[in-house]
Amino acid sequence: MYAFLVLVGLALGLSVVHQVIDEILPFRAPAALARTLTVAIGAGLAWMLGYSAFSAFGQELRAEWMHPLMTGLVLVAMGEFVRSVIAAIAHRAGEPPVEAAPLSSVRAA
């Protein structure tokens, strides 16, 4: 249970970092570029902490270098998933659905 809580906590923290990156980039970047940068930051964070989401759940990957990279990818995916679940739970019945769009797409031109 603790491994899952650590995974969700790091994912939500990285989700906030993704929003900050979206805000401070001096140019209009595609969403894929911002997410790729967030995955790189997540991989660096996992490498610095020595954290592997896969080892925490007792799974091993083919090579040691894959652990930080795949953990960064899983952290970004988990952060997006948790944000969309919270948005779905917060949705009120009878109202039109609200799309969870990245901040870059809702900025004024």
PDB file of N, CA and C in Angstrom:
ATOM      1  N   MET A   1       0.822  -1.194   0.000  1.00  0.00           N
ATOM      2  CA  MET A   1       0.000   0.000   0.000  1.00  0.00           C
ATOM      3  C   MET A   1       0.867   1.259   0.000  1.00  0.00           C
ATOM      4  N   TYR A   2       1.983   1.226   0.747  1.00  0.00           N
ATOM      5  CA  TYR A   2       2.853   2.388   0.804  1.00  0.00           C
ATOM      6  C   TYR A   2       3.504   2.667  -0.555  1.00  0.00           C
ATOM      7  N   ALA A   3       3.823   1.605  -1.289  1.00  0.00           N
ATOM      8  CA  ALA A   3       4.424   1.790  -2.616  1.00  0.00           C
ATOM      9  C   ALA A   3       3.455   2.523  -3.538  1.00  0.00           C
ATOM     10  N   PHE A   4       2.166   2.217  -3.443  1.00  0.00           N
ATOM     11  CA  PHE A   4       1.167   2.884  -4.265  1.00  0.00           C
ATOM     12  C   PHE A   4       1.011   4.344  -3.862  1.00  0.00           C
ATOM     13  N   LEU A   5       1.027   4.620  -2.567  1.00  0.00           N
ATOM     14  CA  LEU A   5       0.908   6.007  -2.096  1.00  0.00           C
ATOM     15  C   LEU A   5       2.107   6.842  -2.518  1.00  0.00           C
ATOM     16  N   VAL A   6       3.296   6.262  -2.477  1.00  0.00           N
ATOM     17  CA  VAL A   6       4.490   6.981  -2.930  1.00  0.00           C
ATOM     18  C   VAL A   6       4.380   7.268  -4.419  1.00  0.00           C
ATOM     19  N   LEU A   7       3.908   6.278  -5.180  1.00  0.00           N
ATOM     20  CA  LEU A   7       3.741   6.454  -6.629  1.00  0.00           C
ATOM     21  C   LEU A   7       2.748   7.572  -6.937  1.00  0.00           C
ATOM     22  N   VAL A   8       1.605   7.574  -6.285  1.00  0.00           N
ATOM     23  CA  VAL A   8       0.595   8.606  -6.531  1.00  0.00           C
ATOM     24  C   VAL A   8       1.084   9.972  -6.059  1.00  0.00           C
ATOM     25  N   GLY A   9       1.752  10.028  -4.922  1.00  0.00           N
ATOM     26  CA  GLY A   9       2.269  11.305  -4.427  1.00  0.00           C
ATOM     27  C   GLY A   9       3.300  11.907  -5.368  1.00  0.00           C
ATOM     28  N   LEU A  10       4.245  11.100  -5.825  1.00  0.00           N
ATOM     29  CA  LEU A  10       5.233  11.599  -6.781  1.00  0.00           C
ATOM     30  C   LEU A  10       4.582  11.990  -8.103  1.00  0.00           C
ATOM     31  N   ALA A  11       3.584  11.226  -8.527  1.00  0.00           N
ATOM     32  CA  ALA A  11       2.895  11.529  -9.789  1.00  0.00           C
ATOM     33  C   ALA A  11       2.160  12.866  -9.704  1.00  0.00           C
ATOM     34  N   LEU A  12       1.488  13.117  -8.600  1.00  0.00           N
ATOM     35  CA  LEU A  12       0.783  14.394  -8.453  1.00  0.00           C
ATOM     36  C   LEU A  12       1.769  15.557  -8.350  1.00  0.00           C
ATOM     37  N   GLY A  13       2.885  15.351  -7.678  1.00  0.00           N
ATOM     38  CA  GLY A  13       3.915  16.386  -7.622  1.00  0.00           C
ATOM     39  C   GLY A  13       4.482  16.685  -9.001  1.00  0.00           C
ATOM     40  N   LEU A  14       4.711  15.647  -9.781  1.00  0.00           N
ATOM     41  CA  LEU A  14       5.214  15.834 -11.136  1.00  0.00           C
ATOM     42  C   LEU A  14       4.153  16.480 -12.032  1.00  0.00           C
ATOM     43  N   SER A  15       2.884  16.230 -11.739  1.00  0.00           N
ATOM     44  CA  SER A  15       1.804  16.880 -12.481  1.00  0.00           C
ATOM     45  C   SER A  15       1.826  18.389 -12.253  1.00  0.00           C
ATOM     46  N   VAL A  16       2.124  18.796 -11.030  1.00  0.00           N
ATOM     47  CA  VAL A  16       2.250  20.223 -10.727  1.00  0.00           C
ATOM     48  C   VAL A  16       3.452  20.804 -11.464  1.00  0.00           C
ATOM     49  N   VAL A  17       4.551  20.045 -11.523  1.00  0.00           N
ATOM     50  CA  VAL A  17       5.730  20.498 -12.262  1.00  0.00           C
ATOM     51  C   VAL A  17       5.368  20.670 -13.742  1.00  0.00           C
ATOM     52  N   HIS A  18       4.554  19.760 -14.273  1.00  0.00           N
ATOM     53  CA  HIS A  18       4.114  19.861 -15.667  1.00  0.00           C
ATOM     54  C   HIS A  18       3.321  21.151 -15.899  1.00  0.00           C
ATOM     55  N   GLN A  19       2.444  21.496 -14.967  1.00  0.00           N
ATOM     56  CA  GLN A  19       1.682  22.737 -15.088  1.00  0.00           C
ATOM     57  C   GLN A  19       2.596  23.954 -15.018  1.00  0.00           C
ATOM     58  N   VAL A  20       3.595  23.914 -14.161  1.00  0.00           N
ATOM     59  CA  VAL A  20       4.547  25.024 -14.051  1.00  0.00           C
ATOM     60  C   VAL A  20       5.339  25.171 -15.342  1.00  0.00           C
ATOM     61  N   ILE A  21       5.790  24.048 -15.904  1.00  0.00           N
ATOM     62  CA  ILE A  21       6.519  24.087 -17.179  1.00  0.00           C
ATOM     63  C   ILE A  21       5.649  24.692 -18.261  1.00  0.00           C
ATOM     64  N   ASP A  22       4.382  24.304 -18.272  1.00  0.00           N
ATOM     65  CA  ASP A  22       3.447  24.855 -19.254  1.00  0.00           C
ATOM     66  C   ASP A  22       3.334  26.374 -19.133  1.00  0.00           C
ATOM     67  N   GLU A  23       3.400  26.876 -17.904  1.00  0.00           N
ATOM     68  CA  GLU A  23       3.249  28.312 -17.675  1.00  0.00           C
ATOM     69  C   GLU A  23       4.518  29.099 -17.973  1.00  0.00           C
ATOM     70  N   ILE A  24       5.690  28.548 -17.673  1.00  0.00           N
ATOM     71  CA  ILE A  24       6.912  29.355 -17.775  1.00  0.00           C
ATOM     72  C   ILE A  24       7.628  29.245 -19.107  1.00  0.00           C
ATOM     73  N   LEU A  25       7.211  28.309 -19.971  1.00  0.00           N
ATOM     74  CA  LEU A  25       7.857  28.250 -21.286  1.00  0.00           C
ATOM     75  C   LEU A  25       7.609  29.566 -22.021  1.00  0.00           C
ATOM     76  N   PRO A  26       8.651  30.201 -22.535  1.00  0.00           N
ATOM     77  CA  PRO A  26       8.487  31.524 -23.150  1.00  0.00           C
ATOM     78  C   PRO A  26       7.836  31.472 -24.530  1.00  0.00           C
ATOM     79  N   PHE A  27       7.568  30.306 -25.043  1.00  0.00           N
ATOM     80  CA  PHE A  27       6.941  30.178 -26.360  1.00  0.00           C
ATOM     81  C   PHE A  27       5.805  29.179 -26.280  1.00  0.00           C
ATOM     82  N   ARG A  28       4.954  29.230 -27.253  1.00  0.00           N
ATOM     83  CA  ARG A  28       3.809  28.314 -27.303  1.00  0.00           C
ATOM     84  C   ARG A  28       4.303  26.938 -27.747  1.00  0.00           C
ATOM     85  N   ALA A  29       4.399  26.013 -26.820  1.00  0.00           N
ATOM     86  CA  ALA A  29       4.945  24.684 -27.105  1.00  0.00           C
ATOM     87  C   ALA A  29       3.807  23.689 -27.289  1.00  0.00           C
ATOM     88  N   PRO A  30       3.994  22.724 -28.173  1.00  0.00           N
ATOM     89  CA  PRO A  30       2.986  21.658 -28.292  1.00  0.00           C
ATOM     90  C   PRO A  30       2.897  20.866 -26.990  1.00  0.00           C
ATOM     91  N   ALA A  31       1.736  20.293 -26.742  1.00  0.00           N
ATOM     92  CA  ALA A  31       1.530  19.524 -25.512  1.00  0.00           C
ATOM     93  C   ALA A  31       2.486  18.340 -25.436  1.00  0.00           C
ATOM     94  N   ALA A  32       2.798  17.743 -26.579  1.00  0.00           N
ATOM     95  CA  ALA A  32       3.704  16.592 -26.584  1.00  0.00           C
ATOM     96  C   ALA A  32       5.107  16.988 -26.132  1.00  0.00           C
ATOM     97  N   LEU A  33       5.556  18.189 -26.495  1.00  0.00           N
ATOM     98  CA  LEU A  33       6.880  18.644 -26.077  1.00  0.00           C
ATOM     99  C   LEU A  33       6.918  18.870 -24.572  1.00  0.00           C
ATOM    100  N   ALA A  34       5.872  19.476 -24.025  1.00  0.00           N
ATOM    101  CA  ALA A  34       5.822  19.710 -22.578  1.00  0.00           C
ATOM    102  C   ALA A  34       5.768  18.392 -21.823  1.00  0.00           C
ATOM    103  N   ARG A  35       5.009  17.423 -22.331  1.00  0.00           N
ATOM    104  CA  ARG A  35       4.946  16.117 -21.670  1.00  0.00           C
ATOM    105  C   ARG A  35       6.276  15.386 -21.764  1.00  0.00           C
ATOM    106  N   THR A  36       6.945  15.484 -22.908  1.00  0.00           N
ATOM    107  CA  THR A  36       8.252  14.843 -23.054  1.00  0.00           C
ATOM    108  C   THR A  36       9.255  15.447 -22.083  1.00  0.00           C
ATOM    109  N   LEU A  37       9.226  16.755 -21.936  1.00  0.00           N
ATOM    110  CA  LEU A  37      10.096  17.420 -20.973  1.00  0.00           C
ATOM    111  C   LEU A  37       9.762  16.982 -19.547  1.00  0.00           C
ATOM    112  N   THR A  38       8.480  16.794 -19.260  1.00  0.00           N
ATOM    113  CA  THR A  38       8.069  16.334 -17.939  1.00  0.00           C
ATOM    114  C   THR A  38       8.529  14.905 -17.687  1.00  0.00           C
ATOM    115  N   VAL A  39       8.469  14.044 -18.706  1.00  0.00           N
ATOM    116  CA  VAL A  39       8.973  12.673 -18.558  1.00  0.00           C
ATOM    117  C   VAL A  39      10.471  12.699 -18.273  1.00  0.00           C
ATOM    118  N   ALA A  40      11.204  13.579 -18.961  1.00  0.00           N
ATOM    119  CA  ALA A  40      12.650  13.693 -18.718  1.00  0.00           C
ATOM    120  C   ALA A  40      12.919  14.159 -17.287  1.00  0.00           C
ATOM    121  N   ILE A  41      12.139  15.099 -16.799  1.00  0.00           N
ATOM    122  CA  ILE A  41      12.297  15.567 -15.413  1.00  0.00           C
ATOM    123  C   ILE A  41      11.933  14.444 -14.442  1.00  0.00           C
ATOM    124  N   GLY A  42      10.873  13.705 -14.748  1.00  0.00           N
ATOM    125  CA  GLY A  42      10.477  12.576 -13.902  1.00  0.00           C
ATOM    126  C   GLY A  42      11.535  11.486 -13.869  1.00  0.00           C
ATOM    127  N   ALA A  43      12.150  11.206 -15.031  1.00  0.00           N
ATOM    128  CA  ALA A  43      13.228  10.211 -15.078  1.00  0.00           C
ATOM    129  C   ALA A  43      14.432  10.694 -14.269  1.00  0.00           C
ATOM    130  N   GLY A  44      14.749  11.982 -14.385  1.00  0.00           N
ATOM    131  CA  GLY A  44      15.845  12.540 -13.597  1.00  0.00           C
ATOM    132  C   GLY A  44      15.552  12.499 -12.110  1.00  0.00           C
ATOM    133  N   LEU A  45      14.312  12.786 -11.738  1.00  0.00           N
ATOM    134  CA  LEU A  45      13.901  12.735 -10.338  1.00  0.00           C
ATOM    135  C   LEU A  45      14.002  11.307  -9.805  1.00  0.00           C
ATOM    136  N   ALA A  46      13.530  10.339 -10.589  1.00  0.00           N
ATOM    137  CA  ALA A  46      13.605   8.933 -10.169  1.00  0.00           C
ATOM    138  C   ALA A  46      15.056   8.484 -10.039  1.00  0.00           C
ATOM    139  N   TRP A  47      15.904   8.939 -10.949  1.00  0.00           N
ATOM    140  CA  TRP A  47      17.315   8.581 -10.893  1.00  0.00           C
ATOM    141  C   TRP A  47      17.982   9.198  -9.660  1.00  0.00           C
ATOM    142  N   MET A  48      17.690  10.483  -9.386  1.00  0.00           N
ATOM    143  CA  MET A  48      18.291  11.142  -8.225  1.00  0.00           C
ATOM    144  C   MET A  48      17.829  10.518  -6.913  1.00  0.00           C
ATOM    145  N   LEU A  49      16.544  10.143  -6.843  1.00  0.00           N
ATOM    146  CA  LEU A  49      16.019   9.532  -5.619  1.00  0.00           C
ATOM    147  C   LEU A  49      16.364   8.056  -5.506  1.00  0.00           C
ATOM    148  N   GLY A  50      16.782   7.447  -6.611  1.00  0.00           N
ATOM    149  CA  GLY A  50      17.027   6.009  -6.618  1.00  0.00           C
ATOM    150  C   GLY A  50      15.731   5.227  -6.512  1.00  0.00           C
ATOM    151  N   TYR A  51      14.654   5.811  -7.025  1.00  0.00           N
ATOM    152  CA  TYR A  51      13.317   5.215  -6.919  1.00  0.00           C
ATOM    153  C   TYR A  51      12.942   4.530  -8.212  1.00  0.00           C
ATOM    154  N   SER A  52      12.401   3.345  -8.108  1.00  0.00           N
ATOM    155  CA  SER A  52      11.860   2.635  -9.250  1.00  0.00           C
ATOM    156  C   SER A  52      10.472   2.144  -8.889  1.00  0.00           C
ATOM    157  N   ALA A  53       9.480   2.578  -9.655  1.00  0.00           N
ATOM    158  CA  ALA A  53       8.111   2.136  -9.410  1.00  0.00           C
ATOM    159  C   ALA A  53       7.993   0.631  -9.610  1.00  0.00           C
ATOM    160  N   PHE A  54       8.812   0.087 -10.469  1.00  0.00           N
ATOM    161  CA  PHE A  54       8.736  -1.338 -10.767  1.00  0.00           C
ATOM    162  C   PHE A  54       9.357  -2.173  -9.650  1.00  0.00           C
ATOM    163  N   SER A  55      10.490  -1.742  -9.123  1.00  0.00           N
ATOM    164  CA  SER A  55      11.107  -2.465  -8.003  1.00  0.00           C
ATOM    165  C   SER A  55      10.243  -2.376  -6.755  1.00  0.00           C
ATOM    166  N   ALA A  56       9.541  -1.252  -6.580  1.00  0.00           N
ATOM    167  CA  ALA A  56       8.668  -1.088  -5.419  1.00  0.00           C
ATOM    168  C   ALA A  56       7.538  -2.111  -5.425  1.00  0.00           C
ATOM    169  N   PHE A  57       7.115  -2.537  -6.616  1.00  0.00           N
ATOM    170  CA  PHE A  57       6.060  -3.531  -6.729  1.00  0.00           C
ATOM    171  C   PHE A  57       6.615  -4.924  -7.018  1.00  0.00           C
ATOM    172  N   GLY A  58       7.937  -5.104  -6.908  1.00  0.00           N
ATOM    173  CA  GLY A  58       8.541  -6.415  -7.064  1.00  0.00           C
ATOM    174  C   GLY A  58       8.739  -6.863  -8.500  1.00  0.00           C
ATOM    175  N   GLN A  59       8.746  -5.940  -9.439  1.00  0.00           N
ATOM    176  CA  GLN A  59       8.944  -6.274 -10.855  1.00  0.00           C
ATOM    177  C   GLN A  59      10.330  -5.826 -11.288  1.00  0.00           C
ATOM    178  N   GLU A  60      10.948  -6.602 -12.104  1.00  0.00           N
ATOM    179  CA  GLU A  60      12.268  -6.235 -12.627  1.00  0.00           C
ATOM    180  C   GLU A  60      12.181  -5.980 -14.125  1.00  0.00           C
ATOM    181  N   LEU A  61      12.962  -5.057 -14.600  1.00  0.00           N
ATOM    182  CA  LEU A  61      13.046  -4.759 -16.022  1.00  0.00           C
ATOM    183  C   LEU A  61      14.302  -5.399 -16.598  1.00  0.00           C
ATOM    184  N   ARG A  62      14.400  -5.388 -17.895  1.00  0.00           N
ATOM    185  CA  ARG A  62      15.498  -6.064 -18.580  1.00  0.00           C
ATOM    186  C   ARG A  62      16.863  -5.488 -18.222  1.00  0.00           C
ATOM    187  N   ALA A  63      16.967  -4.176 -18.166  1.00  0.00           N
ATOM    188  CA  ALA A  63      18.246  -3.525 -17.865  1.00  0.00           C
ATOM    189  C   ALA A  63      18.040  -2.470 -16.782  1.00  0.00           C
ATOM    190  N   GLU A  64      19.091  -2.163 -16.056  1.00  0.00           N
ATOM    191  CA  GLU A  64      19.006  -1.219 -14.941  1.00  0.00           C
ATOM    192  C   GLU A  64      18.679   0.202 -15.397  1.00  0.00           C
ATOM    193  N   TRP A  65      19.150   0.610 -16.584  1.00  0.00           N
ATOM    194  CA  TRP A  65      18.913   1.974 -17.056  1.00  0.00           C
ATOM    195  C   TRP A  65      17.433   2.210 -17.388  1.00  0.00           C
ATOM    196  N   MET A  66      16.669   1.143 -17.558  1.00  0.00           N
ATOM    197  CA  MET A  66      15.246   1.293 -17.883  1.00  0.00           C
ATOM    198  C   MET A  66      14.412   1.738 -16.682  1.00  0.00           C
ATOM    199  N   HIS A  67      14.872   1.457 -15.484  1.00  0.00           N
ATOM    200  CA  HIS A  67      14.084   1.782 -14.293  1.00  0.00           C
ATOM    201  C   HIS A  67      13.770   3.274 -14.173  1.00  0.00           C
ATOM    202  N   PRO A  68      14.758   4.187 -14.203  1.00  0.00           N
ATOM    203  CA  PRO A  68      14.396   5.608 -14.082  1.00  0.00           C
ATOM    204  C   PRO A  68      13.571   6.116 -15.259  1.00  0.00           C
ATOM    205  N   LEU A  69      13.902   5.674 -16.456  1.00  0.00           N
ATOM    206  CA  LEU A  69      13.185   6.149 -17.636  1.00  0.00           C
ATOM    207  C   LEU A  69      11.716   5.722 -17.609  1.00  0.00           C
ATOM    208  N   MET A  70      11.479   4.456 -17.360  1.00  0.00           N
ATOM    209  CA  MET A  70      10.104   3.962 -17.329  1.00  0.00           C
ATOM    210  C   MET A  70       9.350   4.486 -16.103  1.00  0.00           C
ATOM    211  N   THR A  71      10.059   4.707 -14.998  1.00  0.00           N
ATOM    212  CA  THR A  71       9.408   5.292 -13.830  1.00  0.00           C
ATOM    213  C   THR A  71       8.950   6.713 -14.131  1.00  0.00           C
ATOM    214  N   GLY A  72       9.767   7.496 -14.848  1.00  0.00           N
ATOM    215  CA  GLY A  72       9.346   8.839 -15.258  1.00  0.00           C
ATOM    216  C   GLY A  72       8.113   8.794 -16.127  1.00  0.00           C
ATOM    217  N   LEU A  73       8.066   7.848 -17.050  1.00  0.00           N
ATOM    218  CA  LEU A  73       6.899   7.693 -17.924  1.00  0.00           C
ATOM    219  C   LEU A  73       5.666   7.301 -17.124  1.00  0.00           C
ATOM    220  N   VAL A  74       5.824   6.370 -16.205  1.00  0.00           N
ATOM    221  CA  VAL A  74       4.695   5.928 -15.379  1.00  0.00           C
ATOM    222  C   VAL A  74       4.213   7.053 -14.475  1.00  0.00           C
ATOM    223  N   LEU A  75       5.127   7.864 -13.953  1.00  0.00           N
ATOM    224  CA  LEU A  75       4.730   8.976 -13.086  1.00  0.00           C
ATOM    225  C   LEU A  75       3.881   9.992 -13.843  1.00  0.00           C
ATOM    226  N   VAL A  76       4.270  10.315 -15.068  1.00  0.00           N
ATOM    227  CA  VAL A  76       3.488  11.268 -15.866  1.00  0.00           C
ATOM    228  C   VAL A  76       2.118  10.669 -16.196  1.00  0.00           C
ATOM    229  N   ALA A  77       2.096   9.408 -16.594  1.00  0.00           N
ATOM    230  CA  ALA A  77       0.820   8.756 -16.922  1.00  0.00           C
ATOM    231  C   ALA A  77      -0.091   8.672 -15.701  1.00  0.00           C
ATOM    232  N   MET A  78       0.470   8.339 -14.554  1.00  0.00           N
ATOM    233  CA  MET A  78      -0.334   8.234 -13.330  1.00  0.00           C
ATOM    234  C   MET A  78      -0.857   9.605 -12.904  1.00  0.00           C
ATOM    235  N   GLY A  79      -0.052  10.641 -13.058  1.00  0.00           N
ATOM    236  CA  GLY A  79      -0.515  11.990 -12.729  1.00  0.00           C
ATOM    237  C   GLY A  79      -1.673  12.426 -13.599  1.00  0.00           C
ATOM    238  N   GLU A  80      -1.590  12.160 -14.903  1.00  0.00           N
ATOM    239  CA  GLU A  80      -2.694  12.492 -15.810  1.00  0.00           C
ATOM    240  C   GLU A  80      -3.944  11.677 -15.470  1.00  0.00           C
ATOM    241  N   PHE A  81      -3.753  10.405 -15.136  1.00  0.00           N
ATOM    242  CA  PHE A  81      -4.887   9.540 -14.794  1.00  0.00           C
ATOM    243  C   PHE A  81      -5.589  10.019 -13.528  1.00  0.00           C
ATOM    244  N   VAL A  82      -4.814  10.329 -12.492  1.00  0.00           N
ATOM    245  CA  VAL A  82      -5.412  10.779 -11.231  1.00  0.00           C
ATOM    246  C   VAL A  82      -6.147  12.098 -11.421  1.00  0.00           C
ATOM    247  N   ARG A  83      -5.562  13.014 -12.197  1.00  0.00           N
ATOM    248  CA  ARG A  83      -6.244  14.290 -12.462  1.00  0.00           C
ATOM    249  C   ARG A  83      -7.565  14.073 -13.201  1.00  0.00           C
ATOM    250  N   SER A  84      -7.601  13.151 -14.167  1.00  0.00           N
ATOM    251  CA  SER A  84      -8.841  12.917 -14.905  1.00  0.00           C
ATOM    252  C   SER A  84      -9.884  12.216 -14.037  1.00  0.00           C
ATOM    253  N   VAL A  85      -9.457  11.329 -13.139  1.00  0.00           N
ATOM    254  CA  VAL A  85     -10.400  10.673 -12.232  1.00  0.00           C
ATOM    255  C   VAL A  85     -10.999  11.683 -11.270  1.00  0.00           C
ATOM    256  N   ILE A  86     -10.188  12.574 -10.752  1.00  0.00           N
ATOM    257  CA  ILE A  86     -10.699  13.601  -9.837  1.00  0.00           C
ATOM    258  C   ILE A  86     -11.672  14.522 -10.564  1.00  0.00           C
ATOM    259  N   ALA A  87     -11.375  14.871 -11.808  1.00  0.00           N
ATOM    260  CA  ALA A  87     -12.292  15.709 -12.588  1.00  0.00           C
ATOM    261  C   ALA A  87     -13.603  14.976 -12.845  1.00  0.00           C
ATOM    262  N   ALA A  88     -13.550  13.666 -13.077  1.00  0.00           N
ATOM    263  CA  ALA A  88     -14.766  12.897 -13.308  1.00  0.00           C
ATOM    264  C   ALA A  88     -15.597  12.776 -12.037  1.00  0.00           C
ATOM    265  N   ILE A  89     -14.944  12.620 -10.913  1.00  0.00           N
ATOM    266  CA  ILE A  89     -15.669  12.526  -9.643  1.00  0.00           C
ATOM    267  C   ILE A  89     -16.294  13.868  -9.290  1.00  0.00           C
ATOM    268  N   ALA A  90     -15.614  14.958  -9.583  1.00  0.00           N
ATOM    269  CA  ALA A  90     -16.109  16.292  -9.254  1.00  0.00           C
ATOM    270  C   ALA A  90     -17.231  16.746 -10.188  1.00  0.00           C
ATOM    271  N   HIS A  91     -17.430  16.030 -11.298  1.00  0.00           N
ATOM    272  CA  HIS A  91     -18.463  16.402 -12.262  1.00  0.00           C
ATOM    273  C   HIS A  91     -19.846  16.205 -11.653  1.00  0.00           C
ATOM    274  N   ARG A  92     -20.701  17.206 -11.826  1.00  0.00           N
ATOM    275  CA  ARG A  92     -22.063  17.117 -11.302  1.00  0.00           C
ATOM    276  C   ARG A  92     -22.987  16.552 -12.363  1.00  0.00           C
ATOM    277  N   ALA A  93     -23.921  15.740 -11.927  1.00  0.00           N
ATOM    278  CA  ALA A  93     -24.874  15.139 -12.858  1.00  0.00           C
ATOM    279  C   ALA A  93     -25.749  16.227 -13.472  1.00  0.00           C
ATOM    280  N   GLY A  94     -26.022  16.108 -14.757  1.00  0.00           N
ATOM    281  CA  GLY A  94     -26.865  17.061 -15.448  1.00  0.00           C
ATOM    282  C   GLY A  94     -26.100  18.187 -16.116  1.00  0.00           C
ATOM    283  N   GLU A  95     -24.837  18.358 -15.792  1.00  0.00           N
ATOM    284  CA  GLU A  95     -24.016  19.390 -16.422  1.00  0.00           C
ATOM    285  C   GLU A  95     -23.242  18.781 -17.577  1.00  0.00           C
ATOM    286  N   PRO A  96     -22.920  19.593 -18.577  1.00  0.00           N
ATOM    287  CA  PRO A  96     -22.107  19.057 -19.672  1.00  0.00           C
ATOM    288  C   PRO A  96     -20.714  18.693 -19.159  1.00  0.00           C
ATOM    289  N   PRO A  97     -20.100  17.664 -19.739  1.00  0.00           N
ATOM    290  CA  PRO A  97     -18.768  17.262 -19.264  1.00  0.00           C
ATOM    291  C   PRO A  97     -17.730  18.344 -19.523  1.00  0.00           C
ATOM    292  N   VAL A  98     -16.790  18.448 -18.615  1.00  0.00           N
ATOM    293  CA  VAL A  98     -15.711  19.420 -18.724  1.00  0.00           C
ATOM    294  C   VAL A  98     -14.463  18.667 -19.156  1.00  0.00           C
ATOM    295  N   GLU A  99     -13.848  19.125 -20.220  1.00  0.00           N
ATOM    296  CA  GLU A  99     -12.611  18.498 -20.694  1.00  0.00           C
ATOM    297  C   GLU A  99     -11.453  18.961 -19.824  1.00  0.00           C
ATOM    298  N   ALA A 100     -10.622  18.033 -19.423  1.00  0.00           N
ATOM    299  CA  ALA A 100      -9.422  18.365 -18.647  1.00  0.00           C
ATOM    300  C   ALA A 100      -8.311  18.717 -19.613  1.00  0.00           C
ATOM    301  N   ALA A 101      -8.366  19.940 -20.134  1.00  0.00           N
ATOM    302  CA  ALA A 101      -7.384  20.381 -21.135  1.00  0.00           C
ATOM    303  C   ALA A 101      -6.163  20.932 -20.446  1.00  0.00           C
ATOM    304  N   PRO A 102      -4.992  20.737 -21.060  1.00  0.00           N
ATOM    305  CA  PRO A 102      -3.780  21.365 -20.499  1.00  0.00           C
ATOM    306  C   PRO A 102      -3.912  22.871 -20.495  1.00  0.00           C
ATOM    307  N   LEU A 103      -3.199  23.514 -19.610  1.00  0.00           N
ATOM    308  CA  LEU A 103      -3.288  24.960 -19.473  1.00  0.00           C
ATOM    309  C   LEU A 103      -2.873  25.687 -20.740  1.00  0.00           C
ATOM    310  N   SER A 104      -1.989  25.108 -21.538  1.00  0.00           N
ATOM    311  CA  SER A 104      -1.507  25.794 -22.718  1.00  0.00           C
ATOM    312  C   SER A 104      -2.610  25.981 -23.760  1.00  0.00           C
ATOM    313  N   SER A 105      -3.622  25.094 -23.755  1.00  0.00           N
ATOM    314  CA  SER A 105      -4.670  25.213 -24.767  1.00  0.00           C
ATOM    315  C   SER A 105      -5.766  26.183 -24.350  1.00  0.00           C
ATOM    316  N   VAL A 106      -5.796  26.590 -23.087  1.00  0.00           N
ATOM    317  CA  VAL A 106      -6.835  27.517 -22.645  1.00  0.00           C
ATOM    318  C   VAL A 106      -6.322  28.926 -22.450  1.00  0.00           C
ATOM    319  N   ARG A 107      -5.076  29.168 -22.742  1.00  0.00           N
ATOM    320  CA  ARG A 107      -4.528  30.520 -22.625  1.00  0.00           C
ATOM    321  C   ARG A 107      -5.104  31.444 -23.694  1.00  0.00           C
ATOM    322  N   ALA A 108      -5.213  32.697 -23.353  1.00  0.00           N
ATOM    323  CA  ALA A 108      -5.677  33.678 -24.325  1.00  0.00           C
ATOM    324  C   ALA A 108      -4.575  33.953 -25.331  1.00  0.00           C
ATOM    325  N   ALA A 109      -4.959  34.105 -26.580  1.00  0.00           N
ATOM    326  CA  ALA A 109      -3.949  34.319 -27.644  1.00  0.00           C
ATOM    327  C   ALA A 109      -3.455  35.745 -27.679  1.00  0.00           C
TER     328      ALA A 109
END
